[in-house]
N, C-alpha and C. Protein backbone atom coordinates (compact mmCIF):
# COMPACT_ATOMS: atom_id res chain seq x y z
N MET A 1 97.34 130.99 124.86
CA MET A 1 98.72 131.05 125.28
C MET A 1 99.22 129.64 125.59
N ILE A 2 100.45 129.39 125.22
CA ILE A 2 101.03 128.06 125.42
C ILE A 2 101.50 127.91 126.88
N THR A 3 101.27 126.73 127.41
CA THR A 3 101.64 126.48 128.81
C THR A 3 103.10 126.02 128.90
N ASP A 4 103.63 126.06 130.10
CA ASP A 4 104.99 125.58 130.32
C ASP A 4 105.10 124.10 129.95
N ALA A 5 104.09 123.33 130.28
CA ALA A 5 104.10 121.90 129.98
C ALA A 5 104.12 121.66 128.47
N GLU A 6 103.36 122.48 127.72
CA GLU A 6 103.34 122.34 126.27
C GLU A 6 104.69 122.73 125.67
N LEU A 7 105.31 123.77 126.19
CA LEU A 7 106.65 124.16 125.73
C LEU A 7 107.65 123.02 125.96
N THR A 8 107.58 122.45 127.14
CA THR A 8 108.48 121.34 127.47
C THR A 8 108.24 120.16 126.55
N ALA A 9 106.97 119.87 126.26
CA ALA A 9 106.63 118.74 125.39
C ALA A 9 107.19 118.94 123.98
N VAL A 10 107.11 120.16 123.47
CA VAL A 10 107.66 120.46 122.13
C VAL A 10 109.16 120.20 122.12
N ALA A 11 109.86 120.71 123.12
CA ALA A 11 111.31 120.52 123.19
C ALA A 11 111.67 119.04 123.35
N GLU A 12 110.94 118.34 124.20
CA GLU A 12 111.24 116.92 124.43
C GLU A 12 111.03 116.10 123.16
N GLU A 13 109.98 116.42 122.40
CA GLU A 13 109.73 115.71 121.14
C GLU A 13 110.87 115.94 120.16
N ARG A 14 111.32 117.18 120.08
CA ARG A 14 112.44 117.49 119.17
C ARG A 14 113.70 116.74 119.60
N PHE A 15 113.99 116.74 120.88
CA PHE A 15 115.16 116.03 121.38
C PHE A 15 115.04 114.53 121.11
N ARG A 16 113.84 114.00 121.29
CA ARG A 16 113.63 112.56 121.04
C ARG A 16 113.96 112.23 119.60
N ARG A 17 113.43 113.02 118.66
CA ARG A 17 113.70 112.77 117.24
C ARG A 17 115.17 112.95 116.92
N SER A 18 115.82 113.92 117.56
CA SER A 18 117.24 114.18 117.31
C SER A 18 118.14 113.08 117.88
N GLN A 19 117.59 112.26 118.76
CA GLN A 19 118.36 111.14 119.30
C GLN A 19 118.06 109.84 118.56
N GLU A 20 116.78 109.61 118.26
CA GLU A 20 116.39 108.32 117.69
C GLU A 20 116.82 108.16 116.23
N LEU A 21 116.69 109.20 115.43
CA LEU A 21 117.05 109.08 114.01
C LEU A 21 118.54 108.78 113.83
N PRO A 22 119.45 109.54 114.44
CA PRO A 22 120.87 109.21 114.26
C PRO A 22 121.23 107.82 114.80
N ARG A 23 120.63 107.46 115.93
CA ARG A 23 120.92 106.14 116.50
C ARG A 23 120.55 105.04 115.50
N ALA A 24 119.37 105.14 114.92
CA ALA A 24 118.93 104.14 113.95
C ALA A 24 119.78 104.18 112.68
N PHE A 25 120.09 105.38 112.19
CA PHE A 25 120.88 105.52 110.97
C PHE A 25 122.26 104.90 111.14
N PHE A 26 122.96 105.25 112.19
CA PHE A 26 124.33 104.75 112.36
C PHE A 26 124.37 103.26 112.69
N ARG A 27 123.35 102.75 113.36
CA ARG A 27 123.28 101.31 113.60
C ARG A 27 123.12 100.58 112.27
N GLU A 28 122.25 101.10 111.41
CA GLU A 28 122.00 100.47 110.11
C GLU A 28 123.20 100.59 109.16
N GLU A 29 123.90 101.71 109.19
CA GLU A 29 124.94 102.01 108.20
C GLU A 29 126.37 101.78 108.68
N ALA A 30 126.56 101.28 109.90
CA ALA A 30 127.91 101.19 110.47
C ALA A 30 128.89 100.45 109.56
N ASP A 31 128.49 99.31 109.03
CA ASP A 31 129.39 98.52 108.19
C ASP A 31 129.78 99.29 106.92
N ARG A 32 128.79 99.87 106.26
CA ARG A 32 129.09 100.61 105.02
C ARG A 32 129.92 101.86 105.29
N ILE A 33 129.68 102.50 106.43
CA ILE A 33 130.48 103.68 106.79
C ILE A 33 131.93 103.26 106.98
N ALA A 34 132.16 102.16 107.68
CA ALA A 34 133.53 101.68 107.89
C ALA A 34 134.19 101.36 106.55
N ARG A 35 133.46 100.71 105.66
CA ARG A 35 134.02 100.38 104.34
C ARG A 35 134.33 101.64 103.53
N ALA A 36 133.44 102.60 103.60
CA ALA A 36 133.67 103.87 102.89
C ALA A 36 134.92 104.56 103.42
N CYS A 37 135.08 104.57 104.73
CA CYS A 37 136.26 105.22 105.34
C CYS A 37 137.54 104.50 104.96
N TYR A 38 137.49 103.19 104.91
CA TYR A 38 138.66 102.41 104.51
C TYR A 38 139.03 102.74 103.06
N ALA A 39 138.03 102.82 102.20
CA ALA A 39 138.28 103.17 100.80
C ALA A 39 138.81 104.59 100.68
N MET A 40 138.26 105.51 101.46
CA MET A 40 138.75 106.90 101.45
C MET A 40 140.21 106.95 101.89
N ALA A 41 140.55 106.23 102.95
CA ALA A 41 141.93 106.22 103.44
C ALA A 41 142.87 105.68 102.37
N GLY A 42 142.42 104.67 101.63
CA GLY A 42 143.23 104.14 100.54
C GLY A 42 143.50 105.18 99.47
N ARG A 43 142.49 105.97 99.14
CA ARG A 43 142.68 107.04 98.15
C ARG A 43 143.66 108.10 98.66
N PHE A 44 143.50 108.50 99.91
CA PHE A 44 144.43 109.49 100.47
C PHE A 44 145.86 108.94 100.49
N ARG A 45 146.01 107.67 100.83
CA ARG A 45 147.34 107.06 100.89
C ARG A 45 148.01 107.09 99.51
N ARG A 46 147.22 106.98 98.45
CA ARG A 46 147.77 107.00 97.09
C ARG A 46 147.91 108.41 96.54
N GLY A 47 147.67 109.42 97.38
CA GLY A 47 147.84 110.80 96.93
C GLY A 47 146.56 111.46 96.44
N GLY A 48 145.43 110.80 96.64
CA GLY A 48 144.16 111.37 96.22
C GLY A 48 143.74 112.54 97.10
N ARG A 49 142.80 113.30 96.58
CA ARG A 49 142.27 114.47 97.29
C ARG A 49 140.77 114.34 97.43
N LEU A 50 140.23 114.97 98.45
CA LEU A 50 138.79 115.03 98.65
C LEU A 50 138.25 116.24 97.89
N LEU A 51 137.29 116.01 97.03
CA LEU A 51 136.61 117.08 96.29
C LEU A 51 135.14 117.04 96.70
N SER A 52 134.65 118.14 97.22
CA SER A 52 133.27 118.15 97.73
C SER A 52 132.44 119.20 97.02
N PHE A 53 131.14 118.96 97.00
CA PHE A 53 130.20 119.93 96.44
C PHE A 53 128.80 119.59 96.91
N GLY A 54 127.90 120.54 96.75
CA GLY A 54 126.53 120.33 97.18
C GLY A 54 125.61 121.37 96.59
N SER A 55 124.33 121.15 96.78
CA SER A 55 123.33 122.08 96.25
C SER A 55 122.71 122.89 97.38
N GLY A 56 122.33 124.13 97.07
CA GLY A 56 121.64 124.97 98.04
C GLY A 56 122.41 125.14 99.32
N HIS A 57 121.71 124.99 100.44
CA HIS A 57 122.36 125.17 101.74
C HIS A 57 123.40 124.10 102.01
N TRP A 58 123.41 123.03 101.23
CA TRP A 58 124.41 121.97 101.42
C TRP A 58 125.80 122.41 101.00
N VAL A 59 125.90 123.54 100.31
CA VAL A 59 127.23 124.06 99.96
C VAL A 59 128.05 124.27 101.23
N THR A 60 127.41 124.75 102.29
CA THR A 60 128.17 124.99 103.52
C THR A 60 128.66 123.68 104.13
N ASP A 61 127.92 122.60 103.98
CA ASP A 61 128.39 121.31 104.47
C ASP A 61 129.50 120.76 103.58
N ALA A 62 129.42 121.04 102.29
CA ALA A 62 130.51 120.66 101.39
C ALA A 62 131.79 121.42 101.78
N GLN A 63 131.64 122.68 102.13
CA GLN A 63 132.79 123.46 102.61
C GLN A 63 133.31 122.86 103.91
N HIS A 64 132.40 122.51 104.79
CA HIS A 64 132.77 121.96 106.10
C HIS A 64 133.61 120.70 105.96
N VAL A 65 133.19 119.76 105.10
CA VAL A 65 133.92 118.50 104.98
C VAL A 65 135.31 118.74 104.42
N ALA A 66 135.46 119.66 103.47
CA ALA A 66 136.79 119.96 102.93
C ALA A 66 137.69 120.54 104.01
N VAL A 67 137.16 121.50 104.76
CA VAL A 67 137.94 122.13 105.84
C VAL A 67 138.28 121.11 106.91
N GLU A 68 137.36 120.22 107.21
CA GLU A 68 137.57 119.20 108.24
C GLU A 68 138.84 118.39 107.96
N PHE A 69 139.04 118.03 106.70
CA PHE A 69 140.20 117.21 106.35
C PHE A 69 141.47 118.04 106.19
N VAL A 70 141.34 119.26 105.70
CA VAL A 70 142.51 120.12 105.47
C VAL A 70 143.07 120.68 106.77
N HIS A 71 142.19 121.04 107.70
CA HIS A 71 142.60 121.63 108.97
C HIS A 71 142.14 120.72 110.11
N PRO A 72 142.95 119.72 110.46
CA PRO A 72 142.54 118.74 111.47
C PRO A 72 142.19 119.38 112.81
N VAL A 73 141.05 118.97 113.36
CA VAL A 73 140.63 119.48 114.66
C VAL A 73 141.19 118.64 115.79
N ILE A 74 141.67 117.45 115.47
CA ILE A 74 142.24 116.57 116.48
C ILE A 74 143.76 116.69 116.40
N VAL A 75 144.36 117.09 117.50
CA VAL A 75 145.81 117.28 117.56
C VAL A 75 146.51 115.97 117.20
N GLY A 76 147.47 116.06 116.31
CA GLY A 76 148.23 114.90 115.90
C GLY A 76 147.76 114.29 114.59
N ASN A 77 146.53 114.57 114.18
CA ASN A 77 146.06 114.09 112.89
C ASN A 77 146.67 114.94 111.79
N ARG A 78 147.08 114.29 110.72
CA ARG A 78 147.69 115.05 109.64
C ARG A 78 146.63 115.69 108.76
N ALA A 79 147.03 116.77 108.14
CA ALA A 79 146.14 117.43 107.18
C ALA A 79 146.08 116.58 105.91
N LEU A 80 144.91 116.47 105.35
CA LEU A 80 144.71 115.74 104.11
C LEU A 80 144.16 116.70 103.06
N PRO A 81 144.52 116.51 101.80
CA PRO A 81 144.12 117.47 100.78
C PRO A 81 142.62 117.43 100.48
N GLY A 82 142.02 118.60 100.47
CA GLY A 82 140.60 118.70 100.18
C GLY A 82 140.26 120.03 99.55
N LEU A 83 139.24 120.03 98.73
CA LEU A 83 138.81 121.24 98.03
C LEU A 83 137.30 121.19 97.84
N CYS A 84 136.63 122.26 98.21
CA CYS A 84 135.19 122.37 97.94
C CYS A 84 135.03 123.09 96.61
N LEU A 85 134.45 122.40 95.63
CA LEU A 85 134.30 123.00 94.30
C LEU A 85 133.40 124.22 94.33
N ALA A 86 132.48 124.28 95.28
CA ALA A 86 131.56 125.42 95.35
C ALA A 86 132.26 126.68 95.85
N ASN A 87 133.46 126.56 96.40
CA ASN A 87 134.21 127.72 96.90
C ASN A 87 134.90 128.50 95.80
N ASP A 88 135.15 127.86 94.69
CA ASP A 88 136.02 128.43 93.68
C ASP A 88 135.23 129.19 92.62
N ASN A 89 135.09 130.50 92.82
CA ASN A 89 134.32 131.31 91.87
C ASN A 89 134.94 131.30 90.48
N ALA A 90 136.27 131.30 90.42
CA ALA A 90 136.93 131.27 89.12
C ALA A 90 136.62 129.97 88.40
N LEU A 91 136.65 128.87 89.13
CA LEU A 91 136.33 127.58 88.54
C LEU A 91 134.89 127.56 88.04
N LEU A 92 133.98 128.03 88.88
CA LEU A 92 132.58 128.03 88.49
C LEU A 92 132.33 128.96 87.31
N ALA A 93 133.06 130.07 87.26
CA ALA A 93 132.91 131.00 86.14
C ALA A 93 133.52 130.43 84.86
N ALA A 94 134.55 129.59 85.01
CA ALA A 94 135.20 129.00 83.84
C ALA A 94 134.36 127.89 83.23
N ALA A 95 133.47 127.32 84.02
CA ALA A 95 132.60 126.26 83.52
C ALA A 95 131.57 126.87 82.57
N PRO A 96 131.02 126.05 81.69
CA PRO A 96 129.97 126.57 80.81
C PRO A 96 128.84 127.20 81.61
N THR A 97 128.06 128.02 80.96
CA THR A 97 127.04 128.80 81.67
C THR A 97 125.86 127.97 82.16
N VAL A 98 125.74 126.73 81.73
CA VAL A 98 124.63 125.90 82.18
C VAL A 98 124.90 125.47 83.62
N ALA A 99 124.11 125.98 84.55
CA ALA A 99 124.36 125.77 85.97
C ALA A 99 124.33 124.30 86.36
N ARG A 100 123.53 123.49 85.68
CA ARG A 100 123.42 122.10 86.10
C ARG A 100 124.65 121.27 85.76
N ASP A 101 125.62 121.86 85.06
CA ASP A 101 126.85 121.14 84.71
C ASP A 101 128.07 121.66 85.45
N ARG A 102 127.91 122.59 86.38
CA ARG A 102 129.09 123.24 86.95
C ARG A 102 129.98 122.28 87.73
N TYR A 103 129.43 121.33 88.46
CA TYR A 103 130.30 120.42 89.21
C TYR A 103 130.92 119.37 88.30
N ARG A 104 130.17 118.90 87.33
CA ARG A 104 130.75 117.97 86.36
C ARG A 104 131.92 118.63 85.64
N ASP A 105 131.71 119.87 85.20
CA ASP A 105 132.77 120.58 84.48
C ASP A 105 133.95 120.90 85.40
N GLY A 106 133.66 121.24 86.65
CA GLY A 106 134.73 121.50 87.61
C GLY A 106 135.57 120.26 87.85
N LEU A 107 134.92 119.11 87.97
CA LEU A 107 135.65 117.86 88.14
C LEU A 107 136.48 117.55 86.91
N ALA A 108 135.92 117.80 85.73
CA ALA A 108 136.67 117.54 84.49
C ALA A 108 137.95 118.36 84.44
N LEU A 109 137.92 119.56 85.02
CA LEU A 109 139.11 120.42 85.03
C LEU A 109 140.12 120.02 86.10
N LEU A 110 139.65 119.54 87.25
CA LEU A 110 140.53 119.38 88.41
C LEU A 110 140.81 117.94 88.84
N ALA A 111 139.90 117.03 88.59
CA ALA A 111 139.98 115.71 89.20
C ALA A 111 141.12 114.87 88.64
N ARG A 112 141.66 114.03 89.55
CA ARG A 112 142.67 113.03 89.19
C ARG A 112 142.12 111.66 89.57
N PRO A 113 142.62 110.59 88.96
CA PRO A 113 142.03 109.27 89.17
C PRO A 113 141.93 108.79 90.62
N ASP A 114 142.87 109.17 91.48
CA ASP A 114 142.83 108.69 92.87
C ASP A 114 142.02 109.59 93.79
N ASP A 115 141.39 110.62 93.26
CA ASP A 115 140.60 111.53 94.08
C ASP A 115 139.31 110.86 94.54
N LEU A 116 138.67 111.49 95.52
CA LEU A 116 137.38 111.02 96.00
C LEU A 116 136.42 112.19 96.09
N VAL A 117 135.16 111.91 95.89
CA VAL A 117 134.12 112.94 95.88
C VAL A 117 133.16 112.70 97.03
N VAL A 118 132.82 113.79 97.72
CA VAL A 118 131.74 113.75 98.72
C VAL A 118 130.72 114.79 98.27
N ALA A 119 129.52 114.33 97.91
CA ALA A 119 128.48 115.20 97.35
C ALA A 119 127.26 115.22 98.27
N PHE A 120 126.68 116.40 98.42
CA PHE A 120 125.52 116.60 99.30
C PHE A 120 124.31 117.06 98.50
N SER A 121 123.13 116.54 98.87
CA SER A 121 121.88 116.97 98.24
C SER A 121 120.74 116.83 99.25
N ASP A 122 119.78 117.75 99.17
CA ASP A 122 118.60 117.68 100.04
C ASP A 122 117.90 116.33 99.95
N ASP A 123 117.54 115.97 98.73
CA ASP A 123 116.71 114.80 98.51
C ASP A 123 117.23 113.92 97.37
N GLY A 124 118.42 114.22 96.87
CA GLY A 124 119.00 113.44 95.79
C GLY A 124 118.55 113.85 94.42
N ALA A 125 117.72 114.89 94.31
CA ALA A 125 117.14 115.25 93.02
C ALA A 125 117.88 116.37 92.29
N ASP A 126 118.92 116.93 92.86
CA ASP A 126 119.63 118.05 92.24
C ASP A 126 120.45 117.56 91.04
N GLU A 127 120.12 118.08 89.85
CA GLU A 127 120.80 117.64 88.62
C GLU A 127 122.28 117.96 88.63
N ASP A 128 122.65 119.12 89.13
CA ASP A 128 124.04 119.53 89.15
C ASP A 128 124.88 118.55 89.97
N VAL A 129 124.39 118.20 91.14
CA VAL A 129 125.09 117.26 92.01
C VAL A 129 125.12 115.88 91.36
N ALA A 130 124.00 115.44 90.82
CA ALA A 130 123.93 114.12 90.18
C ALA A 130 124.89 114.01 89.00
N ARG A 131 124.97 115.05 88.19
CA ARG A 131 125.89 115.02 87.05
C ARG A 131 127.35 114.96 87.52
N GLY A 132 127.65 115.67 88.60
CA GLY A 132 129.00 115.60 89.15
C GLY A 132 129.34 114.21 89.66
N VAL A 133 128.42 113.60 90.38
CA VAL A 133 128.64 112.25 90.90
C VAL A 133 128.79 111.25 89.75
N THR A 134 127.95 111.37 88.75
CA THR A 134 128.03 110.46 87.60
C THR A 134 129.37 110.59 86.91
N TRP A 135 129.80 111.82 86.64
CA TRP A 135 131.09 112.03 85.98
C TRP A 135 132.21 111.42 86.82
N ALA A 136 132.19 111.66 88.12
CA ALA A 136 133.25 111.15 89.00
C ALA A 136 133.29 109.63 88.97
N ARG A 137 132.14 108.99 89.06
CA ARG A 137 132.11 107.52 89.03
C ARG A 137 132.62 106.99 87.70
N GLU A 138 132.18 107.61 86.61
CA GLU A 138 132.60 107.15 85.28
C GLU A 138 134.09 107.32 85.05
N HIS A 139 134.74 108.21 85.80
CA HIS A 139 136.17 108.46 85.63
C HIS A 139 137.01 107.86 86.75
N GLY A 140 136.43 106.94 87.51
CA GLY A 140 137.19 106.16 88.47
C GLY A 140 137.43 106.79 89.82
N LEU A 141 136.80 107.93 90.11
CA LEU A 141 136.93 108.53 91.43
C LEU A 141 136.06 107.74 92.41
N LEU A 142 136.46 107.71 93.66
CA LEU A 142 135.62 107.12 94.70
C LEU A 142 134.49 108.11 94.96
N THR A 143 133.25 107.64 94.99
CA THR A 143 132.12 108.56 95.13
C THR A 143 131.29 108.24 96.36
N LEU A 144 131.07 109.28 97.18
CA LEU A 144 130.17 109.21 98.32
C LEU A 144 129.10 110.27 98.11
N ALA A 145 127.84 109.87 98.17
CA ALA A 145 126.73 110.80 98.01
C ALA A 145 125.89 110.77 99.29
N LEU A 146 125.58 111.95 99.82
CA LEU A 146 124.87 112.08 101.09
C LEU A 146 123.59 112.87 100.85
N SER A 147 122.46 112.35 101.36
CA SER A 147 121.18 112.95 101.04
C SER A 147 120.13 112.62 102.10
N GLY A 148 119.02 113.36 102.03
CA GLY A 148 117.82 112.99 102.75
C GLY A 148 116.91 112.23 101.80
N LEU A 149 115.71 111.89 102.27
CA LEU A 149 114.76 111.16 101.42
C LEU A 149 114.27 112.02 100.26
N PRO A 150 113.99 111.43 99.10
CA PRO A 150 114.06 110.00 98.84
C PRO A 150 115.43 109.51 98.35
N GLY A 151 116.27 110.40 97.85
CA GLY A 151 117.61 110.01 97.43
C GLY A 151 117.68 109.31 96.10
N GLU A 152 116.55 109.20 95.39
CA GLU A 152 116.50 108.41 94.16
C GLU A 152 117.38 108.94 93.04
N GLY A 153 117.44 110.27 92.89
CA GLY A 153 118.26 110.83 91.82
C GLY A 153 119.72 110.45 91.98
N LEU A 154 120.22 110.48 93.20
CA LEU A 154 121.61 110.08 93.44
C LEU A 154 121.77 108.57 93.33
N ALA A 155 120.76 107.81 93.71
CA ALA A 155 120.84 106.36 93.57
C ALA A 155 121.01 105.97 92.11
N GLU A 156 120.36 106.70 91.21
CA GLU A 156 120.48 106.42 89.78
C GLU A 156 121.90 106.66 89.27
N CYS A 157 122.68 107.47 89.96
CA CYS A 157 124.07 107.74 89.58
C CYS A 157 124.99 106.60 89.97
N ARG A 158 124.50 105.69 90.80
CA ARG A 158 125.26 104.54 91.29
C ARG A 158 126.59 104.93 91.94
N PRO A 159 126.56 105.82 92.93
CA PRO A 159 127.81 106.14 93.63
C PRO A 159 128.33 104.91 94.37
N ASP A 160 129.60 104.92 94.68
CA ASP A 160 130.17 103.80 95.44
C ASP A 160 129.47 103.66 96.79
N TYR A 161 129.18 104.79 97.41
CA TYR A 161 128.51 104.79 98.71
C TYR A 161 127.44 105.88 98.72
N LEU A 162 126.20 105.46 98.89
CA LEU A 162 125.08 106.40 99.00
C LEU A 162 124.53 106.28 100.42
N PHE A 163 124.54 107.40 101.13
CA PHE A 163 123.98 107.43 102.48
C PHE A 163 122.77 108.34 102.47
N VAL A 164 121.59 107.75 102.63
CA VAL A 164 120.33 108.49 102.63
C VAL A 164 119.76 108.46 104.04
N VAL A 165 119.65 109.62 104.64
CA VAL A 165 119.04 109.72 105.97
C VAL A 165 117.54 109.55 105.80
N PRO A 166 116.92 108.61 106.52
CA PRO A 166 115.49 108.33 106.33
C PRO A 166 114.58 109.38 106.96
N SER A 167 114.65 110.58 106.41
CA SER A 167 113.81 111.68 106.90
C SER A 167 113.70 112.73 105.81
N CYS A 168 112.59 113.45 105.82
CA CYS A 168 112.40 114.61 104.94
C CYS A 168 112.57 115.91 105.70
N ASP A 169 112.84 115.83 107.00
CA ASP A 169 113.04 117.02 107.82
C ASP A 169 114.47 117.52 107.58
N PRO A 170 114.63 118.67 106.93
CA PRO A 170 115.98 119.12 106.57
C PRO A 170 116.88 119.35 107.78
N LEU A 171 116.32 119.71 108.91
CA LEU A 171 117.14 119.94 110.10
C LEU A 171 117.69 118.62 110.64
N LEU A 172 116.84 117.60 110.68
CA LEU A 172 117.30 116.29 111.15
C LEU A 172 118.30 115.67 110.18
N VAL A 173 118.03 115.83 108.89
CA VAL A 173 118.96 115.30 107.88
C VAL A 173 120.33 115.95 108.06
N GLN A 174 120.35 117.26 108.23
CA GLN A 174 121.62 117.95 108.40
C GLN A 174 122.34 117.51 109.67
N GLU A 175 121.60 117.33 110.75
CA GLU A 175 122.22 116.86 112.00
C GLU A 175 122.93 115.53 111.79
N VAL A 176 122.25 114.61 111.13
CA VAL A 176 122.81 113.27 110.91
C VAL A 176 124.00 113.34 109.96
N LEU A 177 123.87 114.09 108.87
CA LEU A 177 124.96 114.14 107.90
C LEU A 177 126.18 114.87 108.46
N GLU A 178 125.98 115.88 109.29
CA GLU A 178 127.13 116.53 109.92
C GLU A 178 127.86 115.56 110.84
N THR A 179 127.11 114.76 111.56
CA THR A 179 127.75 113.74 112.40
C THR A 179 128.48 112.73 111.53
N LEU A 180 127.86 112.34 110.41
CA LEU A 180 128.51 111.40 109.49
C LEU A 180 129.84 111.96 109.00
N VAL A 181 129.88 113.24 108.66
CA VAL A 181 131.13 113.86 108.20
C VAL A 181 132.22 113.72 109.27
N HIS A 182 131.86 113.94 110.52
CA HIS A 182 132.84 113.82 111.60
C HIS A 182 133.31 112.37 111.75
N VAL A 183 132.40 111.42 111.59
CA VAL A 183 132.76 110.01 111.67
C VAL A 183 133.69 109.65 110.52
N LEU A 184 133.38 110.12 109.31
CA LEU A 184 134.25 109.86 108.16
C LEU A 184 135.66 110.35 108.46
N TYR A 185 135.76 111.57 108.94
CA TYR A 185 137.06 112.16 109.27
C TYR A 185 137.82 111.30 110.28
N GLU A 186 137.15 110.94 111.35
CA GLU A 186 137.83 110.20 112.42
C GLU A 186 138.27 108.81 111.96
N LEU A 187 137.39 108.08 111.26
CA LEU A 187 137.73 106.72 110.86
C LEU A 187 138.77 106.69 109.75
N VAL A 188 138.75 107.66 108.86
CA VAL A 188 139.80 107.73 107.83
C VAL A 188 141.16 107.82 108.52
N HIS A 189 141.27 108.65 109.53
CA HIS A 189 142.55 108.78 110.24
C HIS A 189 142.90 107.50 111.00
N VAL A 190 141.91 106.82 111.54
CA VAL A 190 142.18 105.54 112.21
C VAL A 190 142.80 104.57 111.23
N PHE A 191 142.22 104.45 110.03
CA PHE A 191 142.76 103.52 109.04
C PHE A 191 144.13 103.95 108.54
N LEU A 192 144.35 105.24 108.38
CA LEU A 192 145.66 105.71 107.95
C LEU A 192 146.72 105.44 109.01
N GLU A 193 146.38 105.63 110.27
CA GLU A 193 147.34 105.41 111.36
C GLU A 193 147.67 103.94 111.54
N GLU A 194 146.69 103.08 111.33
CA GLU A 194 146.93 101.65 111.52
C GLU A 194 147.83 101.08 110.43
N GLY A 195 147.87 101.74 109.28
CA GLY A 195 148.75 101.29 108.21
C GLY A 195 148.37 99.95 107.62
N ARG A 196 147.10 99.58 107.72
CA ARG A 196 146.66 98.29 107.19
C ARG A 196 145.91 98.46 105.88
N MET A 197 146.40 99.35 105.04
CA MET A 197 145.71 99.61 103.79
C MET A 197 146.09 98.56 102.75
N ALA A 198 145.11 98.22 101.91
CA ALA A 198 145.35 97.25 100.84
C ALA A 198 146.24 97.85 99.77
């Protein structure tokens, strides 16, 4: 039987990891996150839209980021256009039957040059997500790819911004990337409000 001290130790270790990983990630990535948000704000200012997608359980995070921008949680922030490609059954059904091309084909149907893409993957190895990111980059969309380790498949797509959480623990990766989504949302609005866009 597990003791109270052992239970406490398990919880404390989990809390420690949940604090240290995000602290290190955001310290390391702060400059690139700010640059990504500035670029995103520029796209929104020119009439661009956020198009998101992801693989597996990351579909819910792709939905989250689209909703975050469309339905502002901070009073006074304006709604910004966003669409999760994984939400649209008609779009996915209209794409060819090869599942690994559904996001690429969805972008080909919907994307405009000033749009931006936020793509999620467990480890960067999902072909469907990688093909979508590649298509978006090749067609001039701003591309942000978010992943856990190793992230190599998405790195090969050469997105404008690749954020790889240095962990293989899916729970920790999701915690960090959800926080990143909130930071993206907040800083994009900061740059839009300041009106200092290039």
